[in-house]
Amino acid sequence: MAAPFSGVILVSRGDETLVAEASGYAHIAHGVANTVDTRFAIASGTKGFTALVVVGLIAEGRLSLRTTAREVLGGDLPLIDDRVTVEHLLTHTSGIGDYCDEAEDPPPTPLLATSADYLAALDGYPQQFPPGERFQYNNSAFAVLSLIAERIAGIPFADLVRTRVTEPAGMADTAFLRSDALPARTATGYLEDGRTNVFSLPVVGFGDGGIYSSAPDFRKFWPAFLDGRIVPGEWVDRMLRGDGYGLGFWLPRPGVVRLEGGDHGVTFRSNHQPSSGLTATLISNDHRGGGPLLKQLDEYLTKP
């Protein structure tokens, strides 16, 4: 028998709420129920925010899509091919070694909390294929983009996301939180055996994943992004151009844009259809969360 869903589903069209449901527990031991505005980790959903920070710096002329990682990193991460560009990193075509290979059974997560921790964790992974050769999803690429953004802006990455993405979008419940010190109204993630995921996640997320957010905040995010309140309109169009993937955003089919993520004790998907203004978000503190519900979520975007 499938485990009951623990999380939130929120579907809206503009100001109209079509579905708003919360179930399960944000904290099982204390009997704290999930509510529609509970905050959850969103794993790789963070990558869209990273892309927006980087593209914002590009729009200001402080970077370009053709800037190489080596120009910014100097002697750090020497195994990254000197030809790898910001565009390669944004489009998962860099071919760099991935410190979080999702095809493998990973070792226990090291204590990752600072940029220096991530820099050390990213080192020692050889280039996998020549940059630009093909698409291959890559977590390291977005962690490297965070390092690049920090060095160009001279500001910690979490502050860049706050000032350049979440504040302009009005996303008051979205932030990088410590996984071992979660505040009130924030869901603890749970593994299949019932343990919490605190030993399975970084202490603090970075550009490749780990920010915390809420379903209502994604109701705010999509209009802010598409209306040009985060990056200029011409860059919005450029970010949503591609075959299945743009610059930090999934493009699952024509007319639909998506952010999604999954990790130990984390499931997240937010779809948006610009033509109708419909947003459908599922967010869960269980890595099995969703299942058939994810398919039903997608079906909202096919209804007339």
Protein backbone atom coordinates (compact mmCIF):
# COMPACT_ATOMS: atom_id res chain seq x y z
CA MET A 1 0.00 0.00 0.00
CA ALA A 2 1.40 3.39 -0.98
CA ALA A 3 2.31 5.78 1.81
CA PRO A 4 -0.11 8.70 2.20
CA PHE A 5 0.97 11.94 0.59
CA SER A 6 2.71 14.42 2.88
CA GLY A 7 2.91 17.90 1.46
CA VAL A 8 1.00 20.62 -0.38
CA ILE A 9 -0.70 20.93 -3.74
CA LEU A 10 -1.61 24.43 -4.89
CA VAL A 11 -3.15 25.20 -8.28
CA SER A 12 -4.12 28.72 -9.27
CA ARG A 13 -5.01 30.76 -12.31
CA GLY A 14 -4.08 34.37 -11.72
CA ASP A 15 -5.83 35.43 -8.52
CA GLU A 16 -8.17 32.42 -8.58
CA THR A 17 -7.32 29.43 -6.38
CA LEU A 18 -8.39 26.16 -7.99
CA VAL A 19 -6.87 23.67 -5.53
CA ALA A 20 -5.24 24.28 -2.14
CA GLU A 21 -4.64 21.11 -0.15
CA ALA A 22 -2.20 20.18 2.61
CA SER A 23 -1.78 16.75 4.18
CA GLY A 24 0.65 14.82 6.33
CA TYR A 25 3.04 16.15 8.92
CA ALA A 26 5.74 18.80 8.87
CA HIS A 27 7.15 17.14 11.99
CA ILE A 28 5.90 13.67 12.83
CA ALA A 29 7.25 13.34 16.38
CA HIS A 30 5.69 16.62 17.48
CA GLY A 31 2.46 16.07 15.54
CA VAL A 32 2.83 19.29 13.55
CA ALA A 33 0.59 19.12 10.50
CA ASN A 34 1.50 20.55 7.12
CA THR A 35 -0.45 23.64 6.07
CA VAL A 36 -0.69 25.30 2.67
CA ASP A 37 1.95 27.86 3.68
CA THR A 38 4.43 25.36 5.20
CA ARG A 39 7.98 25.79 3.90
CA PHE A 40 9.74 22.79 2.33
CA ALA A 41 13.14 22.12 0.82
CA ILE A 42 12.88 22.23 -2.98
CA ALA A 43 16.20 20.57 -3.93
CA SER A 44 17.09 21.35 -7.56
CA GLY A 45 14.26 23.82 -7.92
CA THR A 46 16.97 26.16 -6.65
CA LYS A 47 18.74 25.96 -10.02
CA GLY A 48 16.24 28.34 -11.58
CA PHE A 49 17.12 30.96 -8.96
CA THR A 50 20.82 30.43 -9.63
CA ALA A 51 20.25 30.94 -13.34
CA LEU A 52 18.38 34.17 -12.64
CA VAL A 53 21.22 35.52 -10.48
CA VAL A 54 23.76 34.72 -13.20
CA VAL A 55 21.61 36.10 -16.02
CA GLY A 56 21.02 39.25 -13.98
CA LEU A 57 24.78 39.77 -13.82
CA ILE A 58 24.99 39.15 -17.56
CA ALA A 59 22.25 41.71 -18.22
CA GLU A 60 24.33 44.23 -16.25
CA GLY A 61 27.38 43.51 -18.40
CA ARG A 62 29.38 41.97 -15.56
CA LEU A 63 29.44 38.54 -17.19
CA SER A 64 28.53 37.07 -20.58
CA LEU A 65 27.34 33.68 -21.74
CA ARG A 66 30.77 33.33 -23.35
CA THR A 67 32.72 34.03 -20.15
CA THR A 68 34.74 30.94 -19.29
CA ALA A 69 34.71 29.47 -15.83
CA ARG A 70 38.48 29.66 -15.85
CA GLU A 71 38.43 33.45 -16.28
CA VAL A 72 36.68 33.74 -12.92
CA LEU A 73 37.96 30.71 -11.02
CA GLY A 74 41.64 31.25 -11.79
CA GLY A 75 43.57 28.27 -10.47
CA ASP A 76 40.64 26.76 -8.55
CA LEU A 77 39.00 23.55 -9.80
CA PRO A 78 41.79 22.86 -12.33
CA LEU A 79 40.07 19.77 -13.79
CA ILE A 80 37.38 21.93 -15.39
CA ASP A 81 38.14 22.28 -19.10
CA ASP A 82 39.40 25.78 -19.91
CA ARG A 83 36.78 26.01 -22.70
CA VAL A 84 33.77 25.62 -20.38
CA THR A 85 31.61 28.75 -20.53
CA VAL A 86 28.82 30.16 -18.41
CA GLU A 87 26.38 29.08 -21.13
CA HIS A 88 27.67 25.49 -21.01
CA LEU A 89 27.12 25.48 -17.24
CA LEU A 90 23.61 26.94 -17.49
CA THR A 91 22.50 24.43 -20.14
CA HIS A 92 23.98 21.24 -18.61
CA THR A 93 26.35 20.85 -21.57
CA SER A 94 29.62 21.62 -19.75
CA GLY A 95 30.77 18.02 -19.36
CA ILE A 96 32.47 18.81 -16.05
CA GLY A 97 32.77 16.12 -13.40
CA ASP A 98 29.72 15.97 -11.16
CA TYR A 99 30.28 15.82 -7.41
CA CYS A 100 26.69 14.59 -6.99
CA ASP A 101 26.19 11.88 -9.59
CA GLU A 102 22.53 10.95 -9.35
CA ALA A 103 23.15 7.68 -11.20
CA GLU A 104 25.30 6.43 -8.33
CA ASP A 105 24.53 5.56 -4.71
CA PRO A 106 26.23 8.55 -3.05
CA PRO A 107 28.31 8.38 0.11
CA PRO A 108 27.07 10.26 3.19
CA THR A 109 26.80 13.98 2.48
CA PRO A 110 29.77 15.95 3.85
CA LEU A 111 29.11 18.96 6.04
CA LEU A 112 28.49 21.59 3.37
CA ALA A 113 27.66 25.02 4.76
CA THR A 114 29.96 27.61 3.18
CA SER A 115 31.33 28.49 -0.25
CA ALA A 116 34.71 27.15 0.86
CA ASP A 117 33.08 23.82 1.75
CA TYR A 118 31.51 23.57 -1.70
CA LEU A 119 34.72 24.58 -3.45
CA ALA A 120 36.53 21.75 -1.67
CA ALA A 121 33.73 19.27 -2.44
CA LEU A 122 33.73 20.16 -6.16
CA ASP A 123 37.46 19.54 -6.58
CA GLY A 124 38.97 16.35 -7.98
CA TYR A 125 36.29 15.34 -10.52
CA PRO A 126 37.71 14.95 -14.05
CA GLN A 127 36.03 16.41 -17.12
CA GLN A 128 33.58 13.82 -18.50
CA PHE A 129 33.29 14.98 -22.12
CA PRO A 130 34.20 18.04 -24.22
CA PRO A 131 32.09 21.11 -23.44
CA GLY A 132 29.13 21.52 -25.76
CA GLU A 133 29.11 17.89 -26.92
CA ARG A 134 25.75 16.94 -25.36
CA PHE A 135 23.22 17.55 -22.60
CA GLN A 136 23.93 15.79 -19.32
CA TYR A 137 22.26 16.97 -16.14
CA ASN A 138 24.96 18.24 -13.81
CA ASN A 139 24.70 19.45 -10.22
CA SER A 140 28.30 20.63 -10.06
CA ALA A 141 27.65 23.04 -12.93
CA PHE A 142 25.21 25.07 -10.85
CA ALA A 143 27.41 24.99 -7.76
CA VAL A 144 30.22 26.37 -9.95
CA LEU A 145 27.85 29.06 -11.25
CA SER A 146 27.26 30.09 -7.63
CA LEU A 147 30.98 30.46 -7.06
CA ILE A 148 31.27 32.53 -10.24
CA ALA A 149 28.38 34.79 -9.22
CA GLU A 150 29.84 35.33 -5.75
CA ARG A 151 33.24 36.28 -7.13
CA ILE A 152 31.85 38.64 -9.75
CA ALA A 153 29.43 40.36 -7.36
CA GLY A 154 31.55 40.18 -4.20
CA ILE A 155 28.44 39.13 -2.26
CA PRO A 156 27.56 35.74 -0.65
CA PHE A 157 25.38 33.65 -2.91
CA ALA A 158 22.45 33.45 -0.48
CA ASP A 159 22.35 37.25 -0.36
CA LEU A 160 22.42 37.40 -4.17
CA VAL A 161 19.37 35.13 -4.36
CA ARG A 162 17.56 37.15 -1.72
CA THR A 163 18.21 40.59 -3.23
CA ARG A 164 17.97 39.62 -6.89
CA VAL A 165 15.23 36.96 -6.91
CA THR A 166 13.12 36.41 -3.81
CA GLU A 167 12.71 40.04 -2.69
CA PRO A 168 11.74 41.35 -6.16
CA ALA A 169 9.23 38.48 -6.41
CA GLY A 170 7.80 39.05 -2.93
CA MET A 171 8.79 35.52 -1.85
CA ALA A 172 9.02 36.14 1.90
CA ASP A 173 9.07 32.41 2.76
CA THR A 174 11.98 31.47 0.49
CA ALA A 175 15.52 31.31 1.91
CA PHE A 176 18.56 29.13 2.47
CA LEU A 177 17.94 27.60 5.91
CA ARG A 178 20.15 25.31 7.96
CA SER A 179 18.82 21.77 7.62
CA ASP A 180 19.85 21.06 11.22
CA ALA A 181 18.08 24.11 12.68
CA LEU A 182 14.81 24.56 10.83
CA PRO A 183 12.56 27.35 12.12
CA ALA A 184 8.83 27.16 12.79
CA ARG A 185 6.46 26.49 9.90
CA THR A 186 9.12 24.50 8.04
CA ALA A 187 8.80 20.80 7.19
CA THR A 188 11.37 18.23 8.18
CA GLY A 189 12.06 15.74 5.38
CA TYR A 190 11.61 12.02 5.95
CA LEU A 191 13.33 8.98 4.46
CA GLU A 192 11.51 5.81 3.47
CA ASP A 193 12.40 4.13 6.76
CA GLY A 194 10.93 6.99 8.80
CA ARG A 195 14.19 8.71 9.78
CA THR A 196 14.63 12.40 9.08
CA ASN A 197 16.86 13.48 6.18
CA VAL A 198 19.11 15.73 8.29
CA PHE A 199 22.17 13.52 7.66
CA SER A 200 21.39 13.21 3.95
CA LEU A 201 21.41 16.89 2.97
CA PRO A 202 23.97 19.68 3.06
CA VAL A 203 23.81 21.82 6.17
CA VAL A 204 23.08 24.84 3.95
CA GLY A 205 22.17 24.62 0.27
CA PHE A 206 24.00 26.31 -2.60
CA GLY A 207 23.39 27.02 -6.27
CA ASP A 208 22.60 23.44 -7.21
CA GLY A 209 19.90 22.92 -4.59
CA GLY A 210 18.68 23.17 -1.04
CA ILE A 211 16.72 26.40 -0.69
CA TYR A 212 13.44 26.25 1.26
CA SER A 213 10.20 27.69 -0.09
CA SER A 214 6.42 27.36 -0.03
CA ALA A 215 3.76 26.66 -2.62
CA PRO A 216 2.25 30.17 -2.26
CA ASP A 217 5.66 31.69 -2.95
CA PHE A 218 5.71 29.99 -6.36
CA ARG A 219 2.33 31.51 -7.08
CA LYS A 220 4.21 34.82 -6.74
CA PHE A 221 7.40 33.72 -8.49
CA TRP A 222 6.15 32.93 -11.96
CA PRO A 223 4.41 36.27 -12.67
CA ALA A 224 7.39 38.17 -11.24
CA PHE A 225 9.80 36.26 -13.49
CA LEU A 226 7.70 36.51 -16.64
CA ASP A 227 6.85 40.17 -16.08
CA GLY A 228 10.54 41.10 -16.08
CA ARG A 229 10.75 42.04 -12.40
CA ILE A 230 13.75 39.76 -11.81
CA VAL A 231 15.66 39.95 -15.11
CA PRO A 232 14.86 42.12 -18.18
CA GLY A 233 12.16 40.85 -20.53
CA GLU A 234 14.54 40.06 -23.38
CA TRP A 235 16.42 37.73 -21.04
CA VAL A 236 13.21 36.08 -19.88
CA ASP A 237 12.62 35.10 -23.51
CA ARG A 238 16.19 33.86 -23.88
CA MET A 239 16.01 31.74 -20.72
CA LEU A 240 12.89 29.97 -21.95
CA ARG A 241 14.30 29.08 -25.35
CA GLY A 242 15.53 25.53 -25.92
CA ASP A 243 14.71 21.91 -26.64
CA GLY A 244 13.47 20.60 -23.31
CA TYR A 245 15.73 22.86 -21.26
CA GLY A 246 16.54 26.55 -21.45
CA LEU A 247 18.83 28.47 -19.09
CA GLY A 248 18.04 26.91 -15.71
CA PHE A 249 14.43 25.99 -16.53
CA TRP A 250 12.80 22.83 -17.85
CA LEU A 251 10.60 23.20 -20.93
CA PRO A 252 8.60 19.96 -20.83
CA ARG A 253 6.35 20.89 -23.76
CA PRO A 254 5.46 24.00 -25.77
CA GLY A 255 3.85 26.67 -23.65
CA VAL A 256 4.85 25.19 -20.26
CA VAL A 257 7.83 26.03 -18.05
CA ARG A 258 8.86 24.01 -15.00
CA LEU A 259 11.11 23.94 -11.99
CA GLU A 260 11.52 20.67 -10.15
CA GLY A 261 13.70 18.89 -7.66
CA GLY A 262 14.04 15.69 -5.73
CA ASP A 263 16.34 14.55 -2.94
CA HIS A 264 16.28 12.41 0.18
CA GLY A 265 13.01 13.44 1.81
CA VAL A 266 12.23 16.06 -0.85
CA THR A 267 9.88 16.22 -3.85
CA PHE A 268 9.09 19.44 -5.68
CA ARG A 269 7.52 20.45 -8.98
CA SER A 270 6.07 23.77 -10.10
CA ASN A 271 4.59 24.10 -13.59
CA HIS A 272 3.48 27.36 -15.15
CA GLN A 273 1.57 28.05 -18.34
CA PRO A 274 2.13 31.69 -19.35
CA SER A 275 -0.77 31.78 -21.82
CA SER A 276 -3.39 30.99 -19.16
CA GLY A 277 -1.59 32.21 -16.05
CA LEU A 278 -2.05 28.77 -14.51
CA THR A 279 0.44 27.62 -11.87
CA ALA A 280 0.43 24.08 -10.46
CA THR A 281 2.82 23.33 -7.60
CA LEU A 282 3.40 20.13 -5.62
CA ILE A 283 5.84 20.24 -2.73
CA SER A 284 6.49 17.38 -0.30
CA ASN A 285 8.72 16.35 2.60
CA ASP A 286 8.96 12.79 1.29
CA HIS A 287 11.15 11.84 -1.68
CA ARG A 288 8.36 9.48 -2.81
CA GLY A 289 5.89 12.36 -2.54
CA GLY A 290 3.56 12.84 -5.43
CA GLY A 291 3.56 9.68 -7.50
CA PRO A 292 0.27 9.74 -9.44
CA LEU A 293 -0.34 13.25 -8.06
CA LEU A 294 2.49 14.58 -10.21
CA LYS A 295 0.70 13.30 -13.30
CA GLN A 296 -2.55 14.88 -12.13
CA LEU A 297 -0.69 18.13 -11.57
CA ASP A 298 0.45 18.12 -15.19
CA GLU A 299 -3.09 17.44 -16.36
CA TYR A 300 -4.23 20.83 -15.09
CA LEU A 301 -2.09 22.41 -17.80
CA THR A 302 -3.81 20.42 -20.55
CA LYS A 303 -7.36 21.37 -19.59
CA PRO A 304 -9.08 24.00 -21.73
